[in-house]
Each structure stands twice: as C-alpha cells, then as structure tokens.
Amino acid sequence: MSDDTEDEEPAVELGERTPVEGAPLARVSSRLTWPKEKSEVDRLEGDSVIRTPDGPRELSAVLEDVDETYFERHQEFESHVRAVIGTGPIPTAEE
C-alpha cells in the first residue's frame, strides 16, 4: 500500500440498512457455556427474542416445543431449536 492513496468509494454500493427484529440464534447460544440443561437455558436466556422465518419469537416459547432436555454442545441446541422454528429468510421490520 502506498501512502498517497486517497479515500475511495466502495467497489460495491451498500444498500439502506433494514432493521431485523430479534437476535440471531448463534448469538444467543454463544452467550452460554455447554453442556447445559434446557431448563437452565430457559432460565438464563428464555426472555431473549430470536429471529425466525415466521418473525421474532421469545426463546422460552420455542423451548416449549423442543423435546430434548439436555444439550451437550451449542450445535446440538441450535439444531433442536431450528427443527422447531425452521430455516429460511428472516423478515425485516417494517418502518
């Protein structure tokens, strides 16, 4: 890199930032240490709102539909939660 480079426009124009309600599931699971019981996940993070293809949902409500009661790793937890909420595009918040 040379010292005489000037500020350049980005090569790709970035669009308007569209808000998305809720936190990514990975962010919520990264705040926990594993292994963890489902009841402990609910106690610690149950009030967290996560992003789902059907819109934001409280983790506590999602955990009610998860049959597993103990998660060895965060990947196992995320897999069971995704089996309940599904996968797909996340809707953006309307302004």
C-alpha atoms as a PDB file:
ATOM      1  CA  MET A   1       0.000   0.000   0.000  1.00  0.00           C
ATOM      2  CA  SER A   2       1.239   3.448  -0.781  1.00  0.00           C
ATOM      3  CA  ASP A   3       0.909   6.493   1.417  1.00  0.00           C
ATOM      4  CA  ASP A   4      -0.635   8.601  -1.339  1.00  0.00           C
ATOM      5  CA  THR A   5      -3.869   6.620  -1.711  1.00  0.00           C
ATOM      6  CA  GLU A   6      -6.981   8.682  -1.297  1.00  0.00           C
ATOM      7  CA  ASP A   7     -10.291   7.595   0.185  1.00  0.00           C
ATOM      8  CA  GLU A   8     -12.086   5.659  -2.493  1.00  0.00           C
ATOM      9  CA  GLU A   9     -15.742   4.817  -2.899  1.00  0.00           C
ATOM     10  CA  PRO A  10     -16.562   1.178  -2.066  1.00  0.00           C
ATOM     11  CA  ALA A  11     -16.422  -1.152  -5.055  1.00  0.00           C
ATOM     12  CA  VAL A  12     -19.936  -2.351  -4.234  1.00  0.00           C
ATOM     13  CA  GLU A  13     -22.581   0.105  -3.201  1.00  0.00           C
ATOM     14  CA  LEU A  14     -24.155  -0.925   0.085  1.00  0.00           C
ATOM     15  CA  GLY A  15     -27.910  -0.521   0.356  1.00  0.00           C
ATOM     16  CA  GLU A  16     -30.001   1.026   3.068  1.00  0.00           C
ATOM     17  CA  ARG A  17     -29.752  -0.775   6.371  1.00  0.00           C
ATOM     18  CA  THR A  18     -33.009  -2.650   7.037  1.00  0.00           C
ATOM     19  CA  PRO A  19     -33.703  -3.452  10.691  1.00  0.00           C
ATOM     20  CA  VAL A  20     -34.367  -7.057  11.669  1.00  0.00           C
ATOM     21  CA  GLU A  21     -36.114  -7.809  14.946  1.00  0.00           C
ATOM     22  CA  GLY A  22     -34.625 -10.339  17.347  1.00  0.00           C
ATOM     23  CA  ALA A  23     -31.152 -11.760  17.813  1.00  0.00           C
ATOM     24  CA  PRO A  24     -29.555 -14.475  15.696  1.00  0.00           C
ATOM     25  CA  LEU A  25     -29.795 -17.887  17.374  1.00  0.00           C
ATOM     26  CA  ALA A  26     -25.998 -18.264  17.203  1.00  0.00           C
ATOM     27  CA  ARG A  27     -25.539 -15.065  19.210  1.00  0.00           C
ATOM     28  CA  VAL A  28     -27.818 -16.323  21.975  1.00  0.00           C
ATOM     29  CA  SER A  29     -26.150 -19.752  22.114  1.00  0.00           C
ATOM     30  CA  SER A  30     -22.682 -18.174  22.173  1.00  0.00           C
ATOM     31  CA  ARG A  31     -23.522 -16.401  25.433  1.00  0.00           C
ATOM     32  CA  LEU A  32     -23.913 -19.768  27.182  1.00  0.00           C
ATOM     33  CA  THR A  33     -21.416 -22.412  28.240  1.00  0.00           C
ATOM     34  CA  TRP A  34     -22.059 -26.011  27.285  1.00  0.00           C
ATOM     35  CA  PRO A  35     -23.250 -28.620  28.250  1.00  0.00           C
ATOM     36  CA  LYS A  36     -26.480 -27.156  29.568  1.00  0.00           C
ATOM     37  CA  GLU A  37     -29.947 -28.399  30.585  1.00  0.00           C
ATOM     38  CA  LYS A  38     -32.924 -26.991  28.716  1.00  0.00           C
ATOM     39  CA  SER A  39     -34.360 -25.564  31.939  1.00  0.00           C
ATOM     40  CA  GLU A  40     -31.094 -23.708  32.582  1.00  0.00           C
ATOM     41  CA  VAL A  41     -31.066 -22.314  29.033  1.00  0.00           C
ATOM     42  CA  ASP A  42     -34.621 -21.133  29.616  1.00  0.00           C
ATOM     43  CA  ARG A  43     -33.701 -19.546  32.953  1.00  0.00           C
ATOM     44  CA  LEU A  44     -30.672 -17.717  31.526  1.00  0.00           C
ATOM     45  CA  GLU A  45     -31.845 -16.773  28.023  1.00  0.00           C
ATOM     46  CA  GLY A  46     -35.569 -17.574  27.879  1.00  0.00           C
ATOM     47  CA  ASP A  47     -36.557 -13.919  27.607  1.00  0.00           C
ATOM     48  CA  SER A  48     -34.266 -13.407  24.598  1.00  0.00           C
ATOM     49  CA  VAL A  49     -36.088 -12.766  21.338  1.00  0.00           C
ATOM     50  CA  ILE A  50     -34.632 -14.744  18.418  1.00  0.00           C
ATOM     51  CA  ARG A  51     -35.061 -14.324  14.686  1.00  0.00           C
ATOM     52  CA  THR A  52     -37.195 -16.936  12.950  1.00  0.00           C
ATOM     53  CA  PRO A  53     -38.615 -17.244   9.426  1.00  0.00           C
ATOM     54  CA  ASP A  54     -42.049 -16.522  10.954  1.00  0.00           C
ATOM     55  CA  GLY A  55     -40.834 -13.379  12.710  1.00  0.00           C
ATOM     56  CA  PRO A  56     -39.283 -12.764  16.116  1.00  0.00           C
ATOM     57  CA  ARG A  57     -40.098 -15.252  18.906  1.00  0.00           C
ATOM     58  CA  GLU A  58     -39.151 -15.468  22.547  1.00  0.00           C
ATOM     59  CA  LEU A  59     -36.731 -18.354  23.129  1.00  0.00           C
ATOM     60  CA  SER A  60     -38.777 -19.586  26.088  1.00  0.00           C
ATOM     61  CA  ALA A  61     -41.773 -20.207  23.816  1.00  0.00           C
ATOM     62  CA  VAL A  62     -39.607 -22.062  21.302  1.00  0.00           C
ATOM     63  CA  LEU A  63     -38.068 -24.251  24.010  1.00  0.00           C
ATOM     64  CA  GLU A  64     -41.555 -25.462  24.992  1.00  0.00           C
ATOM     65  CA  ASP A  65     -41.654 -27.323  21.656  1.00  0.00           C
ATOM     66  CA  VAL A  66     -38.147 -28.817  21.995  1.00  0.00           C
ATOM     67  CA  ASP A  67     -38.317 -32.411  23.298  1.00  0.00           C
ATOM     68  CA  GLU A  68     -34.638 -32.656  24.289  1.00  0.00           C
ATOM     69  CA  THR A  69     -33.880 -31.797  27.925  1.00  0.00           C
ATOM     70  CA  TYR A  70     -30.050 -31.688  27.805  1.00  0.00           C
ATOM     71  CA  PHE A  71     -27.667 -30.250  25.219  1.00  0.00           C
ATOM     72  CA  GLU A  72     -24.021 -31.387  25.089  1.00  0.00           C
ATOM     73  CA  ARG A  73     -22.901 -28.657  22.665  1.00  0.00           C
ATOM     74  CA  HIS A  74     -24.258 -25.445  21.220  1.00  0.00           C
ATOM     75  CA  GLN A  75     -24.571 -27.124  17.812  1.00  0.00           C
ATOM     76  CA  GLU A  76     -26.968 -29.676  19.305  1.00  0.00           C
ATOM     77  CA  PHE A  77     -29.004 -26.906  20.942  1.00  0.00           C
ATOM     78  CA  GLU A  78     -29.176 -24.894  17.721  1.00  0.00           C
ATOM     79  CA  SER A  79     -30.163 -27.972  15.720  1.00  0.00           C
ATOM     80  CA  HIS A  80     -33.107 -28.724  18.030  1.00  0.00           C
ATOM     81  CA  VAL A  81     -34.251 -25.087  18.027  1.00  0.00           C
ATOM     82  CA  ARG A  82     -34.020 -24.890  14.220  1.00  0.00           C
ATOM     83  CA  ALA A  83     -36.095 -28.078  13.969  1.00  0.00           C
ATOM     84  CA  VAL A  84     -38.863 -26.122  15.749  1.00  0.00           C
ATOM     85  CA  ILE A  85     -38.507 -22.693  14.113  1.00  0.00           C
ATOM     86  CA  GLY A  86     -37.452 -23.846  10.648  1.00  0.00           C
ATOM     87  CA  THR A  87     -34.923 -22.240   8.353  1.00  0.00           C
ATOM     88  CA  GLY A  88     -35.319 -19.672   5.651  1.00  0.00           C
ATOM     89  CA  PRO A  89     -35.323 -15.939   5.042  1.00  0.00           C
ATOM     90  CA  ILE A  90     -35.842 -13.728   8.068  1.00  0.00           C
ATOM     91  CA  PRO A  91     -38.447 -10.975   7.586  1.00  0.00           C
ATOM     92  CA  THR A  92     -37.279  -7.409   8.054  1.00  0.00           C
ATOM     93  CA  ALA A  93     -39.018  -4.916  10.295  1.00  0.00           C
ATOM     94  CA  GLU A  94     -41.411  -2.560   8.586  1.00  0.00           C
ATOM     95  CA  GLU A  95     -40.756   1.104   9.221  1.00  0.00           C
END
